[in-house]
Amino acid sequence: MRERLEYALVWLTVKTIALFPRPIARTIGIAIAQSVYFLHPRLRAVGMRNLALAFPQDSSRKHRQILREEFTSLGRQFAEVCLFPRYTSEDVKGIVAYEGFENYERAYNRGKGVLFLTAHLGGWELSAFAHSLYGHPLHIVMRPLDNAYLDRFLREYRTMHGNTTVDKDDFVRGLLSAMKGGETVGILMDTNMTPPQGVFVPFFGIPACTASGLARIALRTDAAVVPGFTVWVLRFDPALTLVRTGNDDADVTANTALFTKVIEDYVRRYPGQWLWVHRRWKTRPEGEPALY
């Protein structure tokens, strides 16, 4: 019953926001997100702790400012997701423009598949959505939501224009199949993991347990790893040059660190756009105290 009520509330909110013109929808989305900021002290506490870890030189006032900016960005993105059904290949150009598309195109034309390295930064939900509307559908690695009704609803929105989802439980087989077909897979690689799926690499100078699957697949298939982030422009950077020493375990860790450094650099450039309310450093190396 609780799952149905949660779904009904989200469905009603999404459909109601979708009735409004885009500027008003965005205002409503931001207002909802800012309400969450004020009503959930636990989220604020996690965000402030993460900011203190990442930017110890900054004041608490600066940290609060960044956190408020994050919730503004989340509200803006929520509104855009509500409006997904009305967007077409023509008007998406006014919502998410490409920058550096030639980097993606060059990597795709190699024919060995593209691993789209991204993070919970800016309008990440718009990345795959806009890319598919531009005529380049991809696979999205997605952890099933606990609420089955909301999970189905979100998948419907994410796959409106040809995208497909790959469950994390079927991660390896799904990625190998996609790379064999020369296809593209988007991977959000900035969440806390646990061994053996994750390895510890530096993130803001602090060991963070990070998914190593992307590095393993890239080394195994020679797929191109292309950083792509939607900071309200879908920006593709040149494909990364992988570390290859012949030591598989060391190479996986080195490349996972490389990918994480790319994400960190973007977060440093756009600190008010990243998902600070996630407990990124929850898993600790053996013997280290908890950070939360």
Protein backbone atom coordinates (compact mmCIF):
# COMPACT_ATOMS: atom_id res chain seq x y z
CA MET A 1 0.00 0.00 0.00
CA ARG A 2 2.81 2.41 0.87
CA GLU A 3 4.48 1.82 -2.51
CA ARG A 4 1.22 2.59 -4.30
CA LEU A 5 0.73 5.81 -2.32
CA GLU A 6 4.31 6.95 -3.05
CA TYR A 7 3.82 6.22 -6.71
CA ALA A 8 0.48 8.05 -6.80
CA LEU A 9 2.02 11.13 -5.16
CA VAL A 10 4.97 11.22 -7.56
CA TRP A 11 2.78 10.54 -10.60
CA LEU A 12 0.36 13.33 -9.63
CA THR A 13 3.22 15.79 -9.02
CA VAL A 14 4.94 14.97 -12.31
CA LYS A 15 1.76 15.18 -14.36
CA THR A 16 0.71 18.43 -12.68
CA ILE A 17 4.06 20.15 -13.33
CA ALA A 18 3.88 18.97 -16.94
CA LEU A 19 0.73 21.07 -17.45
CA PHE A 20 2.66 24.34 -17.07
CA PRO A 21 4.91 26.23 -19.49
CA ARG A 22 8.57 25.43 -19.05
CA PRO A 23 9.58 28.58 -17.06
CA ILE A 24 6.76 28.04 -14.55
CA ALA A 25 7.46 24.29 -14.36
CA ARG A 26 11.09 25.03 -13.51
CA THR A 27 10.07 27.50 -10.81
CA ILE A 28 7.79 24.87 -9.26
CA GLY A 29 10.50 22.20 -9.47
CA ILE A 30 13.04 24.44 -7.77
CA ALA A 31 10.53 25.36 -5.05
CA ILE A 32 9.88 21.67 -4.35
CA ALA A 33 13.61 20.93 -4.17
CA GLN A 34 14.27 23.85 -1.83
CA SER A 35 11.43 22.62 0.38
CA VAL A 36 13.17 19.25 0.59
CA TYR A 37 16.38 21.07 1.57
CA PHE A 38 14.64 22.74 4.52
CA LEU A 39 12.55 19.74 5.60
CA HIS A 40 15.27 17.05 5.58
CA PRO A 41 18.04 17.81 8.09
CA ARG A 42 19.64 14.42 7.47
CA LEU A 43 20.25 15.24 3.80
CA ARG A 44 21.65 18.63 4.78
CA ALA A 45 23.95 16.98 7.32
CA VAL A 46 25.30 14.51 4.75
CA GLY A 47 25.82 17.30 2.24
CA MET A 48 27.62 19.53 4.73
CA ARG A 49 29.83 16.64 5.87
CA ASN A 50 30.80 15.84 2.28
CA LEU A 51 31.57 19.47 1.53
CA ALA A 52 33.72 19.71 4.65
CA LEU A 53 35.66 16.64 3.48
CA ALA A 54 36.05 17.87 -0.09
CA PHE A 55 36.66 21.56 0.61
CA PRO A 56 38.09 21.82 4.15
CA GLN A 57 39.54 25.24 3.35
CA ASP A 58 36.09 26.76 2.76
CA SER A 59 33.76 28.14 5.42
CA SER A 60 30.48 26.57 6.53
CA ARG A 61 28.74 29.51 4.88
CA LYS A 62 30.33 28.62 1.56
CA HIS A 63 29.34 24.99 2.03
CA ARG A 64 25.72 25.95 2.66
CA GLN A 65 25.74 28.12 -0.46
CA ILE A 66 26.98 25.21 -2.59
CA LEU A 67 24.40 22.89 -1.05
CA ARG A 68 21.57 25.31 -1.81
CA GLU A 69 22.83 25.57 -5.40
CA GLU A 70 22.72 21.79 -5.63
CA PHE A 71 19.06 21.69 -4.63
CA THR A 72 18.28 24.41 -7.15
CA SER A 73 19.92 22.26 -9.82
CA LEU A 74 17.98 19.20 -8.65
CA GLY A 75 14.71 21.11 -8.83
CA ARG A 76 15.49 22.36 -12.30
CA GLN A 77 16.28 18.84 -13.44
CA PHE A 78 13.12 17.44 -11.85
CA ALA A 79 11.03 19.93 -13.81
CA GLU A 80 12.76 18.99 -17.06
CA VAL A 81 12.09 15.29 -16.41
CA CYS A 82 8.41 16.11 -15.86
CA LEU A 83 8.39 17.74 -19.30
CA PHE A 84 10.07 14.83 -21.12
CA PRO A 85 6.86 13.68 -22.89
CA ARG A 86 6.43 17.01 -24.68
CA TYR A 87 9.98 17.36 -26.04
CA THR A 88 10.80 16.56 -29.66
CA SER A 89 13.97 16.30 -31.72
CA GLU A 90 13.43 19.91 -32.78
CA ASP A 91 12.89 21.69 -29.48
CA VAL A 92 15.47 19.66 -27.54
CA LYS A 93 18.10 21.85 -29.22
CA GLY A 94 16.91 24.75 -27.11
CA ILE A 95 17.13 22.68 -23.93
CA VAL A 96 20.38 20.71 -24.23
CA ALA A 97 22.90 21.76 -26.87
CA TYR A 98 25.92 19.67 -27.84
CA GLU A 99 29.48 20.70 -27.19
CA GLY A 100 32.33 18.52 -28.43
CA PHE A 101 30.04 16.09 -30.25
CA GLU A 102 32.90 15.30 -32.63
CA ASN A 103 34.67 13.60 -29.70
CA TYR A 104 31.77 11.21 -29.27
CA GLU A 105 31.36 10.70 -33.01
CA ARG A 106 35.03 9.87 -33.49
CA ALA A 107 34.92 7.32 -30.68
CA TYR A 108 31.67 5.77 -31.93
CA ASN A 109 32.99 5.39 -35.47
CA ARG A 110 35.79 3.12 -34.21
CA GLY A 111 33.12 0.43 -34.02
CA LYS A 112 34.27 -1.03 -30.71
CA GLY A 113 31.62 0.56 -28.55
CA VAL A 114 31.56 3.65 -26.35
CA LEU A 115 31.48 3.76 -22.57
CA PHE A 116 29.91 7.10 -21.69
CA LEU A 117 31.60 8.14 -18.41
CA THR A 118 29.36 10.46 -16.43
CA ALA A 119 28.21 11.35 -12.92
CA HIS A 120 25.35 12.78 -10.88
CA LEU A 121 26.28 16.26 -12.04
CA GLY A 122 24.04 18.99 -13.45
CA GLY A 123 21.23 17.55 -15.56
CA TRP A 124 22.42 13.94 -15.72
CA GLU A 125 18.92 12.66 -16.51
CA LEU A 126 18.90 14.89 -19.57
CA SER A 127 22.16 13.42 -20.95
CA ALA A 128 20.83 10.13 -22.27
CA PHE A 129 17.38 11.58 -22.97
CA ALA A 130 18.70 14.41 -25.17
CA HIS A 131 21.26 12.13 -26.83
CA SER A 132 18.46 9.75 -27.87
CA LEU A 133 16.32 12.61 -29.18
CA TYR A 134 19.27 13.71 -31.30
CA GLY A 135 19.17 10.23 -32.84
CA HIS A 136 21.78 8.43 -30.73
CA PRO A 137 19.99 6.08 -28.32
CA LEU A 138 22.11 4.26 -25.78
CA HIS A 139 21.98 1.77 -22.95
CA ILE A 140 21.70 3.09 -19.39
CA VAL A 141 23.06 1.16 -16.41
CA MET A 142 20.34 1.42 -13.76
CA ARG A 143 19.85 0.00 -10.28
CA PRO A 144 16.21 -1.03 -9.84
CA LEU A 145 14.34 1.26 -7.44
CA ASP A 146 12.96 -0.28 -4.25
CA ASN A 147 9.48 0.88 -5.23
CA ALA A 148 8.51 -1.28 -8.21
CA TYR A 149 5.84 1.19 -9.40
CA LEU A 150 8.26 4.13 -9.40
CA ASP A 151 10.90 1.96 -11.04
CA ARG A 152 8.59 1.19 -13.95
CA PHE A 153 7.54 4.84 -14.20
CA LEU A 154 11.17 6.10 -14.31
CA ARG A 155 12.18 3.47 -16.88
CA GLU A 156 9.29 4.59 -19.08
CA TYR A 157 10.58 8.17 -19.05
CA ARG A 158 14.22 7.19 -19.56
CA THR A 159 13.44 4.99 -22.57
CA MET A 160 10.95 7.19 -24.46
CA HIS A 161 13.13 7.62 -27.53
CA GLY A 162 14.98 4.37 -27.98
CA ASN A 163 17.18 4.13 -24.90
CA THR A 164 17.28 0.80 -23.09
CA THR A 165 18.24 -0.01 -19.51
CA VAL A 166 20.85 -2.44 -18.22
CA ASP A 167 20.29 -3.68 -14.67
CA LYS A 168 23.31 -3.51 -12.40
CA ASP A 169 22.73 -7.20 -11.61
CA ASP A 170 23.38 -7.96 -15.30
CA PHE A 171 26.13 -5.36 -15.64
CA VAL A 172 28.95 -7.40 -17.18
CA ARG A 173 26.92 -9.39 -19.68
CA GLY A 174 24.95 -6.32 -20.76
CA LEU A 175 28.06 -4.22 -21.33
CA LEU A 176 29.97 -6.94 -23.16
CA SER A 177 27.02 -7.46 -25.49
CA ALA A 178 26.70 -3.73 -26.16
CA MET A 179 30.42 -3.28 -26.83
CA LYS A 180 30.42 -6.26 -29.19
CA GLY A 181 27.66 -4.53 -31.17
CA GLY A 182 29.57 -1.22 -31.26
CA GLU A 183 26.89 0.45 -29.12
CA THR A 184 26.99 3.07 -26.36
CA VAL A 185 26.45 2.57 -22.64
CA GLY A 186 26.09 5.39 -20.11
CA ILE A 187 27.49 4.78 -16.64
CA LEU A 188 27.10 6.99 -13.56
CA MET A 189 30.37 6.23 -11.79
CA ASP A 190 30.32 8.44 -8.71
CA THR A 191 28.41 6.37 -6.14
CA ASN A 192 29.71 4.50 -3.12
CA MET A 193 30.43 0.82 -3.71
CA THR A 194 31.63 -2.12 -1.63
CA PRO A 195 34.36 -4.65 -2.43
CA PRO A 196 34.78 -6.67 -4.56
CA GLN A 197 32.68 -4.60 -7.03
CA GLY A 198 34.61 -1.50 -6.01
CA VAL A 199 38.25 -0.55 -5.51
CA PHE A 200 39.60 2.30 -3.42
CA VAL A 201 40.87 5.29 -5.40
CA PRO A 202 41.32 8.94 -4.40
CA PHE A 203 38.37 11.28 -4.67
CA PHE A 204 39.18 14.75 -3.35
CA GLY A 205 42.22 13.14 -1.76
CA ILE A 206 40.15 10.65 0.27
CA PRO A 207 40.00 6.92 -0.57
CA ALA A 208 36.57 6.22 -2.09
CA CYS A 209 35.30 2.76 -2.95
CA THR A 210 34.51 3.08 -6.65
CA ALA A 211 32.96 0.78 -9.25
CA SER A 212 35.72 -0.96 -11.20
CA GLY A 213 33.48 -2.56 -13.83
CA LEU A 214 33.89 0.21 -16.38
CA ALA A 215 37.68 -0.14 -16.32
CA ARG A 216 37.49 -3.93 -16.61
CA ILE A 217 35.13 -3.76 -19.60
CA ALA A 218 37.16 -1.04 -21.32
CA LEU A 219 40.41 -2.99 -20.96
CA ARG A 220 38.77 -6.21 -22.12
CA THR A 221 36.95 -4.84 -25.18
CA ASP A 222 39.07 -1.82 -26.18
CA ALA A 223 35.91 0.28 -26.12
CA ALA A 224 36.38 4.05 -26.06
CA VAL A 225 35.78 5.76 -22.72
CA VAL A 226 34.30 9.19 -23.44
CA PRO A 227 33.60 11.62 -20.57
CA GLY A 228 30.22 13.29 -21.04
CA PHE A 229 28.49 15.67 -18.63
CA THR A 230 25.36 17.77 -18.95
CA VAL A 231 25.97 21.01 -17.12
CA TRP A 232 22.96 22.31 -19.07
CA VAL A 233 25.08 21.70 -22.18
CA LEU A 234 25.88 18.09 -23.16
CA ARG A 235 29.65 18.24 -23.31
CA PHE A 236 31.80 15.39 -24.65
CA ASP A 237 35.53 15.36 -23.97
CA PRO A 238 38.05 13.40 -26.06
CA ALA A 239 38.22 9.66 -25.37
CA LEU A 240 40.59 8.81 -22.54
CA THR A 241 43.87 6.98 -23.05
CA LEU A 242 43.82 3.91 -20.83
CA VAL A 243 46.67 2.70 -18.65
CA ARG A 244 47.90 -0.67 -19.96
CA THR A 245 50.88 -2.21 -18.19
CA GLY A 246 49.88 -5.86 -18.51
CA ASN A 247 49.10 -6.16 -14.79
CA ASP A 248 45.32 -6.56 -14.91
CA ASP A 249 44.51 -5.69 -11.29
CA ALA A 250 46.85 -2.70 -11.25
CA ASP A 251 45.49 -1.46 -14.56
CA VAL A 252 41.90 -1.70 -13.35
CA THR A 253 42.74 0.36 -10.27
CA ALA A 254 44.79 2.90 -12.24
CA ASN A 255 42.05 3.43 -14.80
CA THR A 256 39.33 3.63 -12.16
CA ALA A 257 41.43 6.35 -10.53
CA LEU A 258 41.74 8.09 -13.89
CA PHE A 259 37.99 8.05 -14.44
CA THR A 260 37.37 9.30 -10.90
CA LYS A 261 39.84 12.15 -11.39
CA VAL A 262 37.87 13.27 -14.46
CA ILE A 263 34.70 13.37 -12.36
CA GLU A 264 36.47 15.21 -9.54
CA ASP A 265 37.75 17.84 -11.95
CA TYR A 266 34.21 18.49 -13.17
CA VAL A 267 32.85 18.67 -9.63
CA ARG A 268 35.54 21.20 -8.73
CA ARG A 269 34.54 23.30 -11.74
CA TYR A 270 30.82 23.05 -10.95
CA PRO A 271 30.54 22.36 -7.21
CA GLY A 272 26.94 23.55 -7.01
CA GLN A 273 25.89 20.91 -9.57
CA TRP A 274 27.00 17.68 -7.89
CA LEU A 275 24.94 15.35 -5.66
CA TRP A 276 26.55 16.15 -2.31
CA VAL A 277 23.76 14.45 -0.33
CA HIS A 278 25.02 10.97 -1.30
CA ARG A 279 27.35 9.30 1.24
CA ARG A 280 30.16 8.92 -1.26
CA TRP A 281 32.80 7.91 1.32
CA LYS A 282 30.62 5.53 3.33
CA THR A 283 32.71 2.39 2.64
CA ARG A 284 36.10 2.69 4.34
CA PRO A 285 39.33 0.76 3.90
CA GLU A 286 39.80 -1.91 6.54
CA GLY A 287 40.76 -0.38 9.85
CA GLU A 288 39.67 3.18 9.00
CA PRO A 289 36.92 4.84 11.08
CA ALA A 290 33.55 5.74 9.59
CA LEU A 291 33.20 9.23 8.13
CA TYR A 292 29.46 9.56 8.72
